[in-house]
Amino acid sequence: MFVAAGRVRGAVRDRAGPWRASGDWWDVGWGREQWDVSLEAGVYRIFRDLLQDAWFIEGEFD
């Protein structure tokens, strides 16, 4: 598995997940699968938007 998004690039060394989350209480419905992935450059939270079928980087762990 490989992550390539802007400045974040690299082979996945380890991963945890997925965790599914969804909602539509006050707004348009949403759903995602979240993963924590370890790359050589650091550990990141990524997710797949289930409605758009697209991947995003949500953040980087310190």
Protein backbone atom coordinates (compact mmCIF):
# COMPACT_ATOMS: atom_id res chain seq x y z
CA MET A 1 0.00 0.00 0.00
CA PHE A 2 1.27 3.49 -0.87
CA VAL A 3 0.09 6.99 0.09
CA ALA A 4 0.64 9.89 -2.33
CA ALA A 5 -1.06 13.20 -1.53
CA GLY A 6 0.80 16.47 -1.89
CA ARG A 7 3.87 16.46 0.37
CA VAL A 8 2.78 13.20 2.06
CA ARG A 9 4.20 10.26 0.12
CA GLY A 10 5.48 6.85 1.06
CA ALA A 11 4.96 3.16 1.52
CA VAL A 12 2.70 2.18 4.42
CA ARG A 13 4.77 0.54 7.17
CA ASP A 14 1.88 -0.21 9.51
CA ARG A 15 -1.82 0.60 9.73
CA ALA A 16 -4.79 0.48 12.08
CA GLY A 17 -8.43 0.57 11.06
CA PRO A 18 -10.73 1.03 9.42
CA TRP A 19 -13.15 2.74 11.75
CA ARG A 20 -16.47 3.68 10.21
CA ALA A 21 -18.17 6.96 11.05
CA SER A 22 -21.34 8.52 9.66
CA GLY A 23 -23.98 11.09 10.41
CA ASP A 24 -26.73 13.33 9.11
CA TRP A 25 -28.24 14.88 12.21
CA TRP A 26 -28.23 18.59 11.26
CA ASP A 27 -26.83 18.57 7.75
CA VAL A 28 -26.29 16.49 4.65
CA GLY A 29 -25.48 12.85 5.37
CA TRP A 30 -21.86 11.73 5.37
CA GLY A 31 -19.90 8.52 5.86
CA ARG A 32 -16.22 7.63 6.04
CA GLU A 33 -13.70 4.92 6.82
CA GLN A 34 -10.77 6.22 8.89
CA TRP A 35 -7.31 4.68 9.07
CA ASP A 36 -4.13 5.53 10.97
CA VAL A 37 -1.12 4.82 8.75
CA SER A 38 2.58 4.85 9.56
CA LEU A 39 4.94 6.05 6.82
CA GLU A 40 8.67 6.70 7.01
CA ALA A 41 7.90 10.43 7.37
CA GLY A 42 5.37 10.07 10.21
CA VAL A 43 1.94 8.81 11.28
CA TYR A 44 -1.19 10.15 9.59
CA ARG A 45 -4.97 9.85 9.84
CA ILE A 46 -6.44 9.23 6.40
CA PHE A 47 -10.02 8.57 5.43
CA ARG A 48 -12.12 7.46 2.50
CA ASP A 49 -15.29 9.46 1.93
CA LEU A 50 -17.86 6.74 1.28
CA LEU A 51 -20.26 9.06 -0.58
CA GLN A 52 -17.61 10.50 -2.93
CA ASP A 53 -15.43 7.36 -3.01
CA ALA A 54 -12.37 9.60 -2.53
CA TRP A 55 -9.38 9.51 -0.15
CA PHE A 56 -8.18 12.39 2.07
CA ILE A 57 -5.48 13.08 4.68
CA GLU A 58 -7.14 14.40 7.81
CA GLY A 59 -4.07 15.08 9.92
CA GLU A 60 -0.62 14.16 11.17
CA PHE A 61 0.19 12.81 14.65
CA ASP A 62 2.96 14.49 16.66
